[in-house]
Amino acid sequence: MGEKGTLLRCGEYLQTNEYLVSENKLFFAIMQSDGNFCVYRGSGPSDNQGVLWAANKCSETKSDFFAIVQNDGNFCVYKGTGPSDNHGIWWDTHEIADKGDFFGIIQNDGNFCIYKGSGPSDNHGVLWDTHVIDSPDAFTFSDACPFGNEDDTLKDLILKKHAPLIWLANNEKFLPSSVDWAFKQMVRYPKPDNALIPLPAAIKTGKYKYCLKAKEKIEDPSDSSLDLFKGDLDSAKIYAFWVTKNKPIIDLVYFFFYPYNRGKEVANTMFGNHVGDWEHLTVRLKRASFGTNQVVYRPTDVYYPYHNKGNSYAWPTINKCELTHPIGYSAKGSHGMWKSSGAHLYEGLKDHCSEGTEWQTWNGIETFDYNLKKGVSTTWPAWMSTNYTDPGSGDPSLPGNGPIYRWGNSHMGMKYYKYYRLSSGPTGPAAKSSVWEKDSFR
């Protein structure tokens, strides 16, 4: 029992729980114990990523079945363990031709086909197929580098092809921007780890970190009138990172920056506002090798985070733009990332998502390799360093000149549950170990 190669020639058959695997290891066709012959995404039963096609003829009880390519071209499922133990037809394709050579194959696009001929090198045309093709979202390359040593051209291409389409909510007042646009209205400064310790003492003992705050003074925790807070969609960038995980997994992590996050109203008072807001979305890929120096990068999951939580979904279940770009919805004001529009409940609060403004992030993208700490399409930014006590190069008050721990003003105002009226600015991408080290999505 188990894997039986890529194809069945005339007279060959699959018994219960035996399966064929496509050459690129992205699809498998299996004879199930319920009599259903199915095609799944994945390299085998232990890597099942969802059904692509099924004959949809199922027995109520498990039994012995076998699937065979006959010499009349008909692909049949019979009850029994094989031709010498045949207990009658269960399902067939009803495609019958003159007797001759035929073969069945699970292709690299997920289509299971019966061809005339003795094999791929003797192919005389298709007789029957499932008519199901599932390849446009995968990327295949020849002469690719070993896993973990992909070249920058490949990384840049894949990062751009899977960059998300983000729907900003109707009447969103607090838009994303590039960090460079926001930096012009912010200042970098050393902040003591303990507010009770004077800055000179904190610097002397190394107990401080460089953080950001708005240049313009915030008079009230609910004040949302600063020009900085409006953001600037025209300048907005998505910061895309290639993250090599344990073989064969690669994560594509897409970070985007909003200069301001609007909190939620409780008892006619806003809580949870904060200056600076980093959001992200992650696409997980699986790399497989096949043929001669051929590799394919296949998306398997997408992770949508919101307010220190998140949901993951299998790639086939999400909405996509142009087949390769996952679609996400940014909640109004708070910018939590969701799979769909509508109201989403968390911690007794609601995020509201809608199709307001379409942001095609791949039109403004900067790409990086997280493991190598280097730029792919641009240089590695100083703000991605975790040496938060480093004043950086040049004027340390300029945000782009060195590492940044927190990306907004310190908290102010009263606190409700775990949220101040103005909460402290969030940590940046460099400090988000839970993103970089994430192993399981589901």
Protein backbone atom coordinates (compact mmCIF):
# COMPACT_ATOMS: atom_id res chain seq x y z
CA MET A 1 0.00 0.00 0.00
CA GLY A 2 1.10 3.60 -0.56
CA GLU A 3 2.63 5.61 -3.35
CA LYS A 4 2.68 3.92 -6.77
CA GLY A 5 4.49 6.47 -8.89
CA THR A 6 3.02 9.02 -11.29
CA LEU A 7 1.09 6.92 -13.83
CA LEU A 8 -0.75 3.70 -14.50
CA ARG A 9 -0.20 1.87 -17.78
CA CYS A 10 -2.75 -0.35 -19.44
CA GLY A 11 -3.74 -3.19 -17.10
CA GLU A 12 -2.09 -1.58 -14.04
CA TYR A 13 -4.25 -0.70 -11.06
CA LEU A 14 -4.41 0.97 -7.66
CA GLN A 15 -5.71 -0.97 -4.67
CA THR A 16 -7.42 0.62 -1.69
CA ASN A 17 -5.30 3.43 -0.16
CA GLU A 18 -2.74 3.33 -2.97
CA TYR A 19 -2.12 6.58 -4.82
CA LEU A 20 -0.29 8.32 -7.66
CA VAL A 21 1.71 11.53 -7.04
CA SER A 22 2.37 14.24 -9.63
CA GLU A 23 6.01 14.73 -10.59
CA ASN A 24 6.10 18.12 -8.86
CA LYS A 25 4.69 16.58 -5.63
CA LEU A 26 1.76 19.01 -5.52
CA PHE A 27 -1.11 16.60 -6.24
CA PHE A 28 -2.04 12.99 -5.60
CA ALA A 29 -4.80 10.71 -6.90
CA ILE A 30 -5.97 8.02 -4.49
CA MET A 31 -8.24 4.98 -4.46
CA GLN A 32 -10.08 5.39 -1.17
CA SER A 33 -11.55 2.67 1.01
CA ASP A 34 -15.05 4.13 0.50
CA GLY A 35 -14.81 3.50 -3.24
CA ASN A 36 -14.33 7.18 -4.10
CA PHE A 37 -11.47 7.94 -6.50
CA CYS A 38 -10.17 11.44 -5.65
CA VAL A 39 -7.52 14.00 -6.56
CA TYR A 40 -6.11 16.07 -3.69
CA ARG A 41 -3.64 18.89 -3.34
CA GLY A 42 -0.50 17.72 -1.57
CA SER A 43 2.18 15.06 -1.91
CA GLY A 44 0.23 12.26 -0.24
CA PRO A 45 -2.32 11.42 2.49
CA SER A 46 -0.04 12.81 5.21
CA ASP A 47 0.17 16.10 3.29
CA ASN A 48 -3.48 16.44 2.28
CA GLN A 49 -4.26 20.10 1.47
CA GLY A 50 -7.82 19.65 0.27
CA VAL A 51 -9.77 17.90 -2.45
CA LEU A 52 -9.46 19.11 -6.04
CA TRP A 53 -11.70 16.56 -7.77
CA ALA A 54 -13.68 13.45 -6.80
CA ALA A 55 -15.69 10.77 -8.62
CA ASN A 56 -18.30 11.21 -5.86
CA LYS A 57 -19.32 7.57 -5.74
CA CYS A 58 -19.00 6.48 -2.13
CA SER A 59 -19.83 3.36 -0.16
CA GLU A 60 -21.38 3.65 3.29
CA THR A 61 -18.84 1.17 4.61
CA LYS A 62 -15.15 0.71 3.97
CA SER A 63 -14.20 -2.13 1.69
CA ASP A 64 -11.74 -3.28 -0.97
CA PHE A 65 -11.71 -1.43 -4.30
CA PHE A 66 -9.28 -1.16 -7.18
CA ALA A 67 -8.94 1.42 -9.99
CA ILE A 68 -7.65 0.15 -13.32
CA VAL A 69 -6.77 1.46 -16.80
CA GLN A 70 -8.39 -0.97 -19.23
CA ASN A 71 -7.26 -1.77 -22.77
CA ASP A 72 -10.44 -0.13 -24.14
CA GLY A 73 -9.46 3.22 -22.53
CA ASN A 74 -12.14 3.03 -19.84
CA PHE A 75 -10.86 3.95 -16.39
CA CYS A 76 -12.84 1.88 -13.91
CA VAL A 77 -13.23 1.32 -10.18
CA TYR A 78 -14.24 -2.21 -9.24
CA LYS A 79 -15.10 -3.88 -5.96
CA GLY A 80 -12.36 -6.26 -4.91
CA THR A 81 -8.61 -6.35 -4.48
CA GLY A 82 -7.64 -6.71 -8.14
CA PRO A 83 -8.52 -8.29 -11.51
CA SER A 84 -8.37 -11.79 -10.02
CA ASP A 85 -10.74 -10.73 -7.21
CA ASN A 86 -13.26 -8.63 -9.18
CA HIS A 87 -16.71 -8.33 -7.56
CA GLY A 88 -18.27 -5.97 -10.09
CA ILE A 89 -18.08 -2.44 -11.44
CA TRP A 90 -18.44 0.43 -9.00
CA TRP A 91 -17.65 3.53 -11.10
CA ASP A 92 -16.16 4.27 -14.52
CA THR A 93 -15.50 7.13 -16.94
CA HIS A 94 -17.75 5.70 -19.69
CA GLU A 95 -15.07 6.59 -22.26
CA ILE A 96 -14.53 3.50 -24.43
CA ALA A 97 -12.27 3.32 -27.50
CA ASP A 98 -10.87 0.64 -29.73
CA LYS A 99 -8.59 -1.71 -27.88
CA GLY A 100 -4.99 -0.60 -27.60
CA ASP A 101 -2.52 1.08 -25.27
CA PHE A 102 -3.68 3.69 -22.73
CA PHE A 103 -2.21 5.26 -19.61
CA GLY A 104 -3.53 7.34 -16.72
CA ILE A 105 -1.42 10.11 -15.17
CA ILE A 106 -1.73 12.73 -12.45
CA GLN A 107 -0.24 15.87 -14.02
CA ASN A 108 1.66 18.78 -12.49
CA ASP A 109 -1.44 20.96 -12.86
CA GLY A 110 -3.64 18.56 -10.85
CA ASN A 111 -5.52 17.18 -13.85
CA PHE A 112 -5.92 13.39 -13.89
CA CYS A 113 -5.95 12.22 -17.51
CA ILE A 114 -6.34 9.05 -19.56
CA TYR A 115 -4.25 9.24 -22.73
CA LYS A 116 -3.96 7.04 -25.78
CA GLY A 117 -0.49 5.51 -25.95
CA SER A 118 1.88 3.54 -23.78
CA GLY A 119 3.30 6.47 -21.79
CA PRO A 120 4.34 10.15 -21.87
CA SER A 121 6.86 9.51 -24.66
CA ASP A 122 4.17 7.71 -26.69
CA ASN A 123 1.23 10.09 -26.14
CA HIS A 124 -1.45 10.07 -28.88
CA GLY A 125 -3.91 12.45 -27.26
CA VAL A 126 -6.31 12.65 -24.33
CA LEU A 127 -9.29 10.29 -24.12
CA TRP A 128 -10.70 11.49 -20.79
CA ASP A 129 -9.70 13.88 -18.02
CA THR A 130 -11.12 15.51 -14.89
CA HIS A 131 -11.10 18.99 -16.53
CA VAL A 132 -9.74 20.38 -13.24
CA ILE A 133 -6.52 22.41 -13.40
CA ASP A 134 -4.96 24.07 -10.38
CA SER A 135 -1.54 25.48 -11.27
CA PRO A 136 -1.68 29.29 -11.79
CA ASP A 137 -0.87 30.11 -8.16
CA ALA A 138 2.34 28.04 -8.08
CA PHE A 139 5.72 29.12 -9.43
CA THR A 140 8.01 26.66 -11.17
CA PHE A 141 11.67 27.37 -11.88
CA SER A 142 14.47 25.58 -13.69
CA ASP A 143 18.03 25.37 -12.38
CA ALA A 144 16.98 26.82 -9.05
CA CYS A 145 19.40 27.20 -6.16
CA PRO A 146 19.30 24.80 -3.19
CA PHE A 147 16.70 25.41 -0.49
CA GLY A 148 17.72 28.41 1.61
CA ASN A 149 20.00 29.77 -1.11
CA GLU A 150 17.49 31.09 -3.64
CA ASP A 151 18.71 34.06 -5.65
CA ASP A 152 17.31 37.55 -5.18
CA THR A 153 15.56 37.62 -8.56
CA LEU A 154 13.47 34.61 -7.58
CA LYS A 155 12.69 35.99 -4.11
CA ASP A 156 11.67 39.37 -5.49
CA LEU A 157 9.40 37.80 -8.10
CA ILE A 158 7.58 35.52 -5.67
CA LEU A 159 7.25 38.23 -2.98
CA LYS A 160 5.64 40.55 -5.51
CA LYS A 161 3.37 37.86 -7.00
CA HIS A 162 1.89 36.99 -3.60
CA ALA A 163 1.69 40.52 -2.15
CA PRO A 164 -1.86 41.04 -0.86
CA LEU A 165 -4.67 43.19 -2.12
CA ILE A 166 -5.91 45.13 0.91
CA TRP A 167 -9.39 46.61 1.10
CA LEU A 168 -9.35 49.76 3.24
CA ALA A 169 -12.70 50.39 4.88
CA ASN A 170 -15.29 52.89 3.66
CA ASN A 171 -14.58 56.35 5.05
CA GLU A 172 -11.26 55.25 6.56
CA LYS A 173 -9.71 58.41 8.04
CA PHE A 174 -6.41 56.88 9.15
CA LEU A 175 -4.61 55.62 6.08
CA PRO A 176 -1.32 53.73 5.70
CA SER A 177 1.86 55.47 4.61
CA SER A 178 5.49 54.68 3.98
CA VAL A 179 7.69 54.90 7.05
CA ASP A 180 9.73 57.58 5.27
CA TRP A 181 6.63 59.77 4.94
CA ALA A 182 5.84 59.36 8.65
CA PHE A 183 9.45 59.93 9.72
CA LYS A 184 9.23 63.55 8.60
CA GLN A 185 6.68 64.18 11.34
CA MET A 186 8.27 62.06 14.07
CA VAL A 187 11.35 62.18 16.24
CA ARG A 188 13.60 59.41 17.58
CA TYR A 189 14.66 59.59 21.21
CA PRO A 190 16.17 57.39 23.97
CA LYS A 191 13.48 56.22 26.39
CA PRO A 192 14.33 54.70 29.81
CA ASP A 193 13.09 51.14 30.35
CA ASN A 194 11.69 52.31 33.68
CA ALA A 195 9.84 55.64 33.72
CA LEU A 196 11.09 56.27 37.27
CA ILE A 197 14.75 56.23 36.21
CA PRO A 198 16.16 59.56 34.95
CA LEU A 199 17.43 59.42 31.38
CA PRO A 200 21.13 60.09 32.23
CA ALA A 201 21.11 57.16 34.67
CA ALA A 202 19.31 54.93 32.17
CA ILE A 203 21.87 55.74 29.48
CA LYS A 204 24.75 55.16 31.87
CA THR A 205 23.45 51.69 32.77
CA GLY A 206 22.26 50.83 29.25
CA LYS A 207 18.63 50.48 30.41
CA TYR A 208 16.95 52.40 27.61
CA LYS A 209 15.78 51.96 24.04
CA TYR A 210 15.37 54.31 21.11
CA CYS A 211 11.70 54.93 20.34
CA LEU A 212 9.58 57.29 18.24
CA LYS A 213 7.01 59.96 19.03
CA ALA A 214 5.12 62.56 17.06
CA LYS A 215 6.85 65.93 16.72
CA GLU A 216 3.56 67.69 17.31
CA LYS A 217 2.37 67.57 20.92
CA ILE A 218 -0.71 65.48 21.69
CA GLU A 219 -2.89 67.45 24.10
CA ASP A 220 -5.60 64.85 24.67
CA PRO A 221 -5.55 61.03 24.48
CA SER A 222 -8.47 61.09 22.03
CA ASP A 223 -7.03 63.84 19.83
CA SER A 224 -6.91 62.44 16.29
CA SER A 225 -6.39 65.72 14.45
CA LEU A 226 -2.63 65.59 13.80
CA ASP A 227 -1.70 65.69 10.12
CA LEU A 228 0.56 62.69 10.79
CA PHE A 229 -2.45 60.57 11.73
CA LYS A 230 -4.13 60.92 8.34
CA GLY A 231 -1.44 58.86 6.65
CA ASP A 232 -0.67 59.06 2.95
CA LEU A 233 -1.82 56.25 0.69
CA ASP A 234 0.11 57.62 -2.27
CA SER A 235 3.39 57.04 -0.43
CA ALA A 236 2.34 53.77 1.24
CA LYS A 237 4.72 50.83 0.95
CA ILE A 238 4.46 47.21 1.86
CA TYR A 239 7.61 45.77 3.44
CA ALA A 240 7.91 42.16 2.26
CA PHE A 241 10.23 39.60 3.87
CA TRP A 242 11.37 36.21 2.57
CA VAL A 243 11.68 33.95 5.64
CA THR A 244 13.33 30.54 5.29
CA LYS A 245 11.84 28.07 7.77
CA ASN A 246 12.50 24.36 8.28
CA LYS A 247 12.70 22.62 4.90
CA PRO A 248 10.53 22.78 2.79
CA ILE A 249 8.65 25.76 4.30
CA ILE A 250 9.10 29.43 3.34
CA ASP A 251 7.05 32.28 4.79
CA LEU A 252 6.34 35.50 2.92
CA VAL A 253 5.70 38.13 5.60
CA TYR A 254 4.12 41.41 4.47
CA PHE A 255 4.27 44.34 6.89
CA PHE A 256 2.46 47.65 6.38
CA PHE A 257 2.53 50.81 8.49
CA TYR A 258 -0.24 53.17 9.61
CA PRO A 259 0.83 56.34 11.46
CA TYR A 260 -2.21 56.09 13.75
CA ASN A 261 -4.56 53.48 15.18
CA ARG A 262 -8.01 54.50 16.37
CA GLY A 263 -9.23 52.45 19.32
CA LYS A 264 -12.75 51.50 20.41
CA GLU A 265 -15.42 53.47 22.22
CA VAL A 266 -16.42 52.28 25.69
CA ALA A 267 -18.89 54.32 27.77
CA ASN A 268 -18.58 57.26 25.36
CA THR A 269 -14.78 57.29 25.75
CA MET A 270 -12.15 56.11 23.28
CA PHE A 271 -9.65 53.55 24.54
CA GLY A 272 -6.76 51.90 22.72
CA ASN A 273 -5.72 54.74 20.42
CA HIS A 274 -2.02 54.71 19.64
CA VAL A 275 0.52 56.49 17.48
CA GLY A 276 2.11 54.11 15.00
CA ASP A 277 0.48 50.87 13.90
CA TRP A 278 2.23 47.89 12.28
CA GLU A 279 0.00 45.28 10.66
CA HIS A 280 0.98 42.24 8.65
CA LEU A 281 -0.19 39.22 6.67
CA THR A 282 1.76 36.01 6.05
CA VAL A 283 1.64 33.64 3.07
CA ARG A 284 3.18 30.22 3.67
CA LEU A 285 4.85 28.39 0.77
CA LYS A 286 5.94 24.83 0.35
CA ARG A 287 8.87 24.09 -1.95
CA ALA A 288 9.06 20.82 -3.85
CA SER A 289 11.67 19.47 -6.27
CA PHE A 290 10.95 17.34 -9.31
CA GLY A 291 12.46 16.35 -12.63
CA THR A 292 15.90 17.68 -13.47
CA ASN A 293 16.69 20.80 -11.44
CA GLN A 294 13.01 21.80 -11.31
CA VAL A 295 11.47 23.33 -8.19
CA VAL A 296 8.00 24.66 -7.49
CA TYR A 297 6.87 27.10 -4.78
CA ARG A 298 3.30 26.44 -3.79
CA PRO A 299 1.20 28.58 -1.39
CA THR A 300 -0.49 26.46 1.27
CA ASP A 301 -1.81 28.86 3.94
CA VAL A 302 -2.49 32.51 4.71
CA TYR A 303 -2.39 34.00 8.21
CA TYR A 304 -4.56 37.04 9.00
CA PRO A 305 -3.57 38.66 12.32
CA TYR A 306 -5.71 41.01 14.39
CA HIS A 307 -4.98 42.62 17.76
CA ASN A 308 -2.36 40.07 18.94
CA LYS A 309 -4.45 37.17 17.69
CA GLY A 310 -5.09 35.75 14.24
CA ASN A 311 -6.72 33.21 11.98
CA SER A 312 -5.10 30.98 9.37
CA TYR A 313 -6.78 29.54 6.30
CA ALA A 314 -5.82 27.02 3.65
CA TRP A 315 -4.85 28.74 0.39
CA PRO A 316 -7.70 27.25 -1.69
CA THR A 317 -10.31 28.70 0.72
CA ILE A 318 -9.36 32.37 0.50
CA ASN A 319 -10.35 35.00 -2.05
CA LYS A 320 -7.58 36.05 -4.43
CA CYS A 321 -6.88 38.75 -7.00
CA GLU A 322 -5.35 37.63 -10.30
CA LEU A 323 -5.04 34.11 -8.84
CA THR A 324 -1.89 34.82 -6.78
CA HIS A 325 -2.64 37.82 -4.52
CA PRO A 326 -4.52 37.00 -1.28
CA ILE A 327 -7.24 39.49 -0.41
CA GLY A 328 -7.37 41.01 3.08
CA TYR A 329 -9.70 43.48 4.75
CA SER A 330 -8.34 46.20 7.03
CA ALA A 331 -10.72 47.07 9.88
CA LYS A 332 -11.84 50.68 10.02
CA GLY A 333 -9.64 52.72 12.33
CA SER A 334 -8.00 49.80 14.15
CA HIS A 335 -6.68 48.07 10.98
CA GLY A 336 -7.00 44.49 12.19
CA MET A 337 -6.55 42.12 9.23
CA TRP A 338 -9.46 39.88 8.30
CA LYS A 339 -10.31 37.42 5.53
CA SER A 340 -13.70 38.93 4.70
CA SER A 341 -15.78 42.08 4.96
CA GLY A 342 -18.40 42.63 7.65
CA ALA A 343 -18.31 42.83 11.45
CA HIS A 344 -15.75 40.68 13.31
CA LEU A 345 -15.95 40.06 17.04
CA TYR A 346 -12.91 39.89 19.34
CA GLU A 347 -12.63 40.36 23.13
CA GLY A 348 -16.21 41.62 23.22
CA LEU A 349 -15.34 44.34 20.70
CA LYS A 350 -16.02 44.62 16.97
CA ASP A 351 -13.89 45.33 13.93
CA HIS A 352 -15.77 46.58 10.88
CA CYS A 353 -14.45 45.79 7.40
CA SER A 354 -15.76 46.88 4.01
CA GLU A 355 -14.67 47.39 0.40
CA GLY A 356 -13.83 51.09 0.46
CA THR A 357 -10.47 51.77 -1.22
CA GLU A 358 -8.55 49.03 -3.03
CA TRP A 359 -4.84 48.97 -2.21
CA GLN A 360 -2.79 46.86 -4.61
CA THR A 361 0.28 46.57 -2.43
CA TRP A 362 2.51 45.05 -5.12
CA ASN A 363 2.62 48.44 -6.85
CA GLY A 364 4.65 49.84 -3.94
CA ILE A 365 6.75 47.08 -2.43
CA GLU A 366 10.20 46.79 -0.87
CA THR A 367 11.58 43.26 -0.55
CA PHE A 368 14.02 41.77 1.95
CA ASP A 369 15.54 38.48 3.13
CA TYR A 370 14.89 38.20 6.87
CA ASN A 371 17.31 35.34 7.57
CA LEU A 372 20.23 37.03 5.81
CA LYS A 373 19.30 40.49 7.14
CA LYS A 374 19.73 41.99 3.69
CA GLY A 375 17.72 43.84 1.13
CA VAL A 376 16.47 42.13 -2.02
CA SER A 377 15.08 45.07 -4.01
CA THR A 378 16.57 47.73 -1.72
CA THR A 379 18.96 48.08 1.23
CA TRP A 380 18.31 46.58 4.67
CA PRO A 381 16.76 49.37 6.81
CA ALA A 382 18.43 50.62 9.99
CA TRP A 383 15.09 50.34 11.79
CA MET A 384 15.19 46.52 11.41
CA SER A 385 18.11 46.25 13.84
CA THR A 386 17.35 44.95 17.35
CA ASN A 387 20.25 46.84 18.94
CA TYR A 388 17.83 49.40 20.39
CA THR A 389 20.48 51.29 22.37
CA ASP A 390 22.42 52.10 19.20
CA PRO A 391 22.19 55.84 18.39
CA GLY A 392 22.77 54.92 14.74
CA SER A 393 24.59 56.94 12.13
CA GLY A 394 24.33 60.69 11.91
CA ASP A 395 21.72 62.61 13.91
CA PRO A 396 20.18 60.08 16.35
CA SER A 397 16.92 62.09 16.49
CA LEU A 398 16.18 61.33 12.83
CA PRO A 399 13.97 58.19 12.75
CA GLY A 400 15.62 56.63 9.72
CA ASN A 401 19.12 56.71 11.19
CA GLY A 402 18.94 53.84 13.65
CA PRO A 403 17.03 51.03 15.37
CA ILE A 404 13.52 51.71 16.70
CA TYR A 405 11.86 49.75 19.51
CA ARG A 406 8.47 51.45 19.93
CA TRP A 407 6.95 53.33 17.03
CA GLY A 408 4.77 55.86 18.85
CA ASN A 409 4.16 58.01 21.89
CA SER A 410 4.02 56.66 25.44
CA HIS A 411 0.66 55.91 26.97
CA MET A 412 -1.45 58.62 28.57
CA GLY A 413 -4.89 58.91 30.15
CA MET A 414 -6.82 56.38 32.21
CA LYS A 415 -6.90 52.67 31.56
CA TYR A 416 -9.82 50.31 30.82
CA TYR A 417 -9.15 46.56 30.92
CA LYS A 418 -5.69 46.47 29.26
CA TYR A 419 -6.07 49.58 27.11
CA TYR A 420 -5.09 53.14 27.97
CA ARG A 421 -6.99 55.95 26.31
CA LEU A 422 -3.75 56.49 24.39
CA SER A 423 -1.77 53.26 24.51
CA SER A 424 1.97 53.17 23.95
CA GLY A 425 3.14 52.86 20.37
CA PRO A 426 3.69 49.28 19.18
CA THR A 427 6.98 47.51 18.72
CA GLY A 428 8.20 47.32 15.14
CA PRO A 429 8.73 44.32 12.87
CA ALA A 430 12.22 43.65 14.23
CA ALA A 431 10.83 42.93 17.71
CA LYS A 432 7.97 40.66 16.63
CA SER A 433 9.56 37.28 17.25
CA SER A 434 6.16 35.58 17.21
CA VAL A 435 5.88 36.50 13.52
CA TRP A 436 9.33 35.34 12.46
CA GLU A 437 9.35 32.19 14.58
CA LYS A 438 5.80 31.01 13.85
CA ASP A 439 5.78 27.29 13.10
CA SER A 440 2.22 26.07 12.87
CA PHE A 441 -0.66 27.92 11.26
CA ARG A 442 -3.33 25.26 11.76
